[in-house]
Amino acid sequence: MRVVLFLTYKENPISKAGTKWWRKALERAGIEKFTWHGLRHTCASWYIQNGTPLNVLQELGGGSSYEMVQRYAHLEPDHLSDYANKLEGIVAK
């Protein structure tokens, strides 16, 4: 399954990238060197920051390898704290 991000223009879904109005919008916004991959990266980052597990992000991404989604692991809130805190009881003894 792949989740599709729907962007709209004047309440109509955008079905084609790189159109004249899209380039004008980027220009008006002062965005240079825009890539659609940047939107994918931002979306994945937001998912992880909101607690989506990496395996779920992999499925949402539609076939990305697990190695690919591991790039976002550092963005997960407290992604290592549960494991790091396990030593607390052992060290205290």
N, C-alpha and C. Protein backbone atom coordinates (compact mmCIF):
# COMPACT_ATOMS: atom_id res chain seq x y z
N MET A 1 0.84 -1.17 0.00
CA MET A 1 0.00 0.00 0.00
C MET A 1 0.88 1.24 0.00
N ARG A 2 0.53 2.20 -0.77
CA ARG A 2 1.26 3.46 -0.80
C ARG A 2 0.27 4.57 -0.46
N VAL A 3 0.67 5.41 0.46
CA VAL A 3 -0.16 6.56 0.82
C VAL A 3 0.18 7.68 -0.15
N VAL A 4 -0.84 8.30 -0.68
CA VAL A 4 -0.63 9.36 -1.64
C VAL A 4 -0.98 10.68 -0.99
N LEU A 5 -0.06 11.61 -1.08
CA LEU A 5 -0.29 12.94 -0.56
C LEU A 5 -0.99 13.74 -1.65
N PHE A 6 -2.18 14.21 -1.36
CA PHE A 6 -2.93 14.97 -2.35
C PHE A 6 -2.73 16.45 -2.12
N LEU A 7 -2.16 17.10 -3.09
CA LEU A 7 -2.06 18.54 -3.09
C LEU A 7 -3.17 19.05 -3.98
N THR A 8 -3.68 20.22 -3.65
CA THR A 8 -4.77 20.77 -4.45
C THR A 8 -4.44 22.19 -4.90
N TYR A 9 -5.07 22.58 -5.96
CA TYR A 9 -4.99 23.93 -6.47
C TYR A 9 -6.40 24.34 -6.86
N LYS A 10 -6.88 25.41 -6.22
CA LYS A 10 -8.26 25.85 -6.43
C LYS A 10 -9.24 24.69 -6.23
N GLU A 11 -8.99 23.93 -5.15
CA GLU A 11 -9.83 22.80 -4.71
C GLU A 11 -9.84 21.61 -5.67
N ASN A 12 -8.91 21.57 -6.62
CA ASN A 12 -8.78 20.43 -7.53
C ASN A 12 -7.46 19.71 -7.25
N PRO A 13 -7.50 18.36 -7.22
CA PRO A 13 -6.24 17.63 -6.97
C PRO A 13 -5.22 17.90 -8.07
N ILE A 14 -3.97 18.00 -7.66
CA ILE A 14 -2.88 18.18 -8.62
C ILE A 14 -2.54 16.81 -9.18
N SER A 15 -2.63 16.67 -10.48
CA SER A 15 -2.35 15.38 -11.09
C SER A 15 -1.04 15.37 -11.87
N LYS A 16 -0.42 16.54 -11.99
CA LYS A 16 0.78 16.64 -12.79
C LYS A 16 1.74 17.65 -12.16
N ALA A 17 2.99 17.22 -12.01
CA ALA A 17 4.00 18.12 -11.44
C ALA A 17 4.69 18.87 -12.55
N GLY A 18 5.22 20.03 -12.22
CA GLY A 18 6.01 20.78 -13.18
C GLY A 18 5.21 21.65 -14.11
N THR A 19 3.95 21.87 -13.79
CA THR A 19 3.14 22.71 -14.66
C THR A 19 3.54 24.18 -14.48
N LYS A 20 3.07 25.01 -15.38
CA LYS A 20 3.41 26.43 -15.36
C LYS A 20 3.00 27.07 -14.04
N TRP A 21 1.80 26.78 -13.55
CA TRP A 21 1.35 27.40 -12.31
C TRP A 21 2.20 26.93 -11.13
N TRP A 22 2.65 25.67 -11.16
CA TRP A 22 3.48 25.14 -10.07
C TRP A 22 4.83 25.88 -10.03
N ARG A 23 5.44 26.05 -11.20
CA ARG A 23 6.72 26.78 -11.26
C ARG A 23 6.56 28.22 -10.80
N LYS A 24 5.43 28.84 -11.16
CA LYS A 24 5.17 30.21 -10.72
C LYS A 24 4.98 30.27 -9.21
N ALA A 25 4.30 29.30 -8.66
CA ALA A 25 4.08 29.26 -7.21
C ALA A 25 5.42 29.13 -6.47
N LEU A 26 6.31 28.27 -6.97
CA LEU A 26 7.63 28.12 -6.36
C LEU A 26 8.40 29.43 -6.43
N GLU A 27 8.30 30.08 -7.57
CA GLU A 27 9.00 31.35 -7.75
C GLU A 27 8.47 32.40 -6.78
N ARG A 28 7.13 32.52 -6.68
CA ARG A 28 6.53 33.49 -5.76
C ARG A 28 6.92 33.21 -4.31
N ALA A 29 7.07 31.94 -3.98
CA ALA A 29 7.43 31.55 -2.61
C ALA A 29 8.93 31.66 -2.36
N GLY A 30 9.70 31.91 -3.41
CA GLY A 30 11.14 32.02 -3.26
C GLY A 30 11.83 30.68 -3.05
N ILE A 31 11.20 29.62 -3.52
CA ILE A 31 11.76 28.28 -3.36
C ILE A 31 12.58 27.94 -4.59
N GLU A 32 13.85 27.63 -4.35
CA GLU A 32 14.75 27.25 -5.44
C GLU A 32 15.13 25.78 -5.28
N LYS A 33 15.46 25.15 -6.35
CA LYS A 33 15.92 23.76 -6.36
C LYS A 33 14.93 22.83 -5.65
N PHE A 34 13.65 23.03 -5.89
CA PHE A 34 12.61 22.19 -5.31
C PHE A 34 12.65 20.79 -5.92
N THR A 35 12.44 19.78 -5.09
CA THR A 35 12.28 18.41 -5.59
C THR A 35 11.08 17.78 -4.89
N TRP A 36 10.39 16.91 -5.59
CA TRP A 36 9.27 16.18 -4.99
C TRP A 36 9.79 15.25 -3.90
N HIS A 37 11.03 14.80 -4.05
CA HIS A 37 11.61 13.95 -3.02
C HIS A 37 11.69 14.70 -1.69
N GLY A 38 11.87 16.01 -1.76
CA GLY A 38 11.90 16.82 -0.55
C GLY A 38 10.59 16.73 0.22
N LEU A 39 9.47 16.70 -0.50
CA LEU A 39 8.17 16.53 0.16
C LEU A 39 8.06 15.16 0.81
N ARG A 40 8.56 14.15 0.11
CA ARG A 40 8.53 12.78 0.65
C ARG A 40 9.36 12.71 1.93
N HIS A 41 10.54 13.34 1.89
CA HIS A 41 11.42 13.35 3.05
C HIS A 41 10.76 14.07 4.22
N THR A 42 10.14 15.23 3.95
CA THR A 42 9.48 15.99 5.00
C THR A 42 8.34 15.19 5.62
N CYS A 43 7.53 14.55 4.77
CA CYS A 43 6.41 13.75 5.26
C CYS A 43 6.92 12.61 6.13
N ALA A 44 7.94 11.90 5.70
CA ALA A 44 8.50 10.79 6.48
C ALA A 44 9.04 11.30 7.81
N SER A 45 9.71 12.44 7.79
CA SER A 45 10.25 13.02 9.02
C SER A 45 9.14 13.34 10.01
N TRP A 46 8.06 13.93 9.51
CA TRP A 46 6.94 14.27 10.39
C TRP A 46 6.28 13.02 10.98
N TYR A 47 6.14 11.98 10.16
CA TYR A 47 5.58 10.73 10.68
C TYR A 47 6.41 10.21 11.85
N ILE A 48 7.73 10.15 11.66
CA ILE A 48 8.61 9.61 12.69
C ILE A 48 8.59 10.50 13.94
N GLN A 49 8.60 11.80 13.76
CA GLN A 49 8.58 12.71 14.89
C GLN A 49 7.30 12.59 15.70
N ASN A 50 6.26 12.08 15.08
CA ASN A 50 4.98 11.89 15.77
C ASN A 50 4.78 10.46 16.24
N GLY A 51 5.86 9.67 16.26
CA GLY A 51 5.81 8.34 16.87
C GLY A 51 5.47 7.18 15.96
N THR A 52 5.44 7.37 14.66
CA THR A 52 5.17 6.27 13.74
C THR A 52 6.38 5.33 13.74
N PRO A 53 6.17 4.04 14.01
CA PRO A 53 7.29 3.09 13.99
C PRO A 53 7.91 2.98 12.59
N LEU A 54 9.20 2.67 12.56
CA LEU A 54 9.91 2.58 11.29
C LEU A 54 9.30 1.55 10.35
N ASN A 55 8.86 0.41 10.88
CA ASN A 55 8.27 -0.61 10.00
C ASN A 55 6.97 -0.11 9.38
N VAL A 56 6.22 0.71 10.10
CA VAL A 56 4.99 1.28 9.55
C VAL A 56 5.33 2.31 8.48
N LEU A 57 6.35 3.13 8.75
CA LEU A 57 6.77 4.10 7.74
C LEU A 57 7.21 3.40 6.46
N GLN A 58 7.87 2.26 6.61
CA GLN A 58 8.30 1.50 5.44
C GLN A 58 7.08 1.08 4.61
N GLU A 59 6.05 0.60 5.28
CA GLU A 59 4.83 0.19 4.55
C GLU A 59 4.14 1.39 3.91
N LEU A 60 4.07 2.51 4.65
CA LEU A 60 3.43 3.70 4.10
C LEU A 60 4.19 4.22 2.88
N GLY A 61 5.51 4.03 2.89
CA GLY A 61 6.34 4.50 1.79
C GLY A 61 6.23 3.66 0.54
N GLY A 62 5.57 2.55 0.63
CA GLY A 62 5.32 1.74 -0.56
C GLY A 62 6.53 0.99 -1.09
N GLY A 63 7.24 0.30 -0.21
CA GLY A 63 8.29 -0.57 -0.70
C GLY A 63 9.70 -0.09 -0.45
N SER A 64 9.85 1.01 0.27
CA SER A 64 11.20 1.44 0.63
C SER A 64 11.85 0.35 1.45
N SER A 65 13.15 0.22 1.32
CA SER A 65 13.86 -0.78 2.12
C SER A 65 13.93 -0.33 3.57
N TYR A 66 14.13 -1.28 4.46
CA TYR A 66 14.24 -0.94 5.87
C TYR A 66 15.47 -0.06 6.09
N GLU A 67 16.51 -0.29 5.33
CA GLU A 67 17.71 0.54 5.44
C GLU A 67 17.38 2.00 5.12
N MET A 68 16.50 2.20 4.16
CA MET A 68 16.10 3.55 3.79
C MET A 68 15.38 4.25 4.93
N VAL A 69 14.43 3.56 5.57
CA VAL A 69 13.67 4.21 6.64
C VAL A 69 14.50 4.38 7.91
N GLN A 70 15.56 3.62 8.06
CA GLN A 70 16.43 3.80 9.22
C GLN A 70 17.09 5.18 9.23
N ARG A 71 17.16 5.81 8.09
CA ARG A 71 17.71 7.16 8.01
C ARG A 71 16.91 8.14 8.86
N TYR A 72 15.67 7.80 9.16
CA TYR A 72 14.81 8.68 9.92
C TYR A 72 14.77 8.33 11.41
N ALA A 73 15.44 7.27 11.81
CA ALA A 73 15.37 6.79 13.19
C ALA A 73 15.78 7.86 14.20
N HIS A 74 16.76 8.66 13.86
CA HIS A 74 17.24 9.67 14.80
C HIS A 74 16.20 10.74 15.10
N LEU A 75 15.17 10.83 14.28
CA LEU A 75 14.12 11.83 14.48
C LEU A 75 13.04 11.37 15.44
N GLU A 76 13.02 10.09 15.73
CA GLU A 76 11.98 9.53 16.60
C GLU A 76 12.23 10.00 18.03
N PRO A 77 11.19 10.59 18.65
CA PRO A 77 11.38 11.07 20.02
C PRO A 77 11.72 9.90 20.95
N ASP A 78 12.78 10.05 21.69
CA ASP A 78 13.18 9.05 22.68
C ASP A 78 13.41 7.67 22.07
N HIS A 79 13.89 7.61 20.85
CA HIS A 79 14.02 6.32 20.16
C HIS A 79 15.01 5.39 20.83
N LEU A 80 15.92 5.89 21.63
CA LEU A 80 16.87 5.02 22.31
C LEU A 80 16.70 5.02 23.83
N SER A 81 15.89 5.93 24.34
CA SER A 81 15.82 6.09 25.80
C SER A 81 15.34 4.84 26.52
N ASP A 82 14.36 4.12 25.98
CA ASP A 82 13.87 2.90 26.64
C ASP A 82 14.99 1.88 26.80
N TYR A 83 15.82 1.79 25.79
CA TYR A 83 16.91 0.81 25.82
C TYR A 83 18.05 1.30 26.71
N ALA A 84 18.37 2.56 26.63
CA ALA A 84 19.44 3.12 27.45
C ALA A 84 19.08 3.02 28.93
N ASN A 85 17.83 3.21 29.28
CA ASN A 85 17.40 3.17 30.67
C ASN A 85 17.41 1.76 31.24
N LYS A 86 17.47 0.73 30.41
CA LYS A 86 17.50 -0.65 30.92
C LYS A 86 18.77 -0.92 31.72
N LEU A 87 19.84 -0.21 31.44
CA LEU A 87 21.09 -0.40 32.18
C LEU A 87 21.04 0.24 33.55
N GLU A 88 20.11 1.14 33.75
CA GLU A 88 20.02 1.87 35.01
C GLU A 88 19.93 0.94 36.21
N GLY A 89 19.09 -0.07 36.12
CA GLY A 89 18.93 -1.03 37.23
C GLY A 89 20.14 -1.90 37.43
N ILE A 90 20.83 -2.24 36.36
CA ILE A 90 22.00 -3.12 36.46
C ILE A 90 23.18 -2.37 37.07
N VAL A 91 23.39 -1.14 36.62
CA VAL A 91 24.51 -0.35 37.08
C VAL A 91 24.34 0.02 38.55
N ALA A 92 23.11 0.25 38.98
CA ALA A 92 22.85 0.65 40.36
C ALA A 92 23.16 -0.46 41.36
N LYS A 93 23.17 -1.72 40.90
CA LYS A 93 23.40 -2.85 41.81
C LYS A 93 24.79 -2.90 42.19
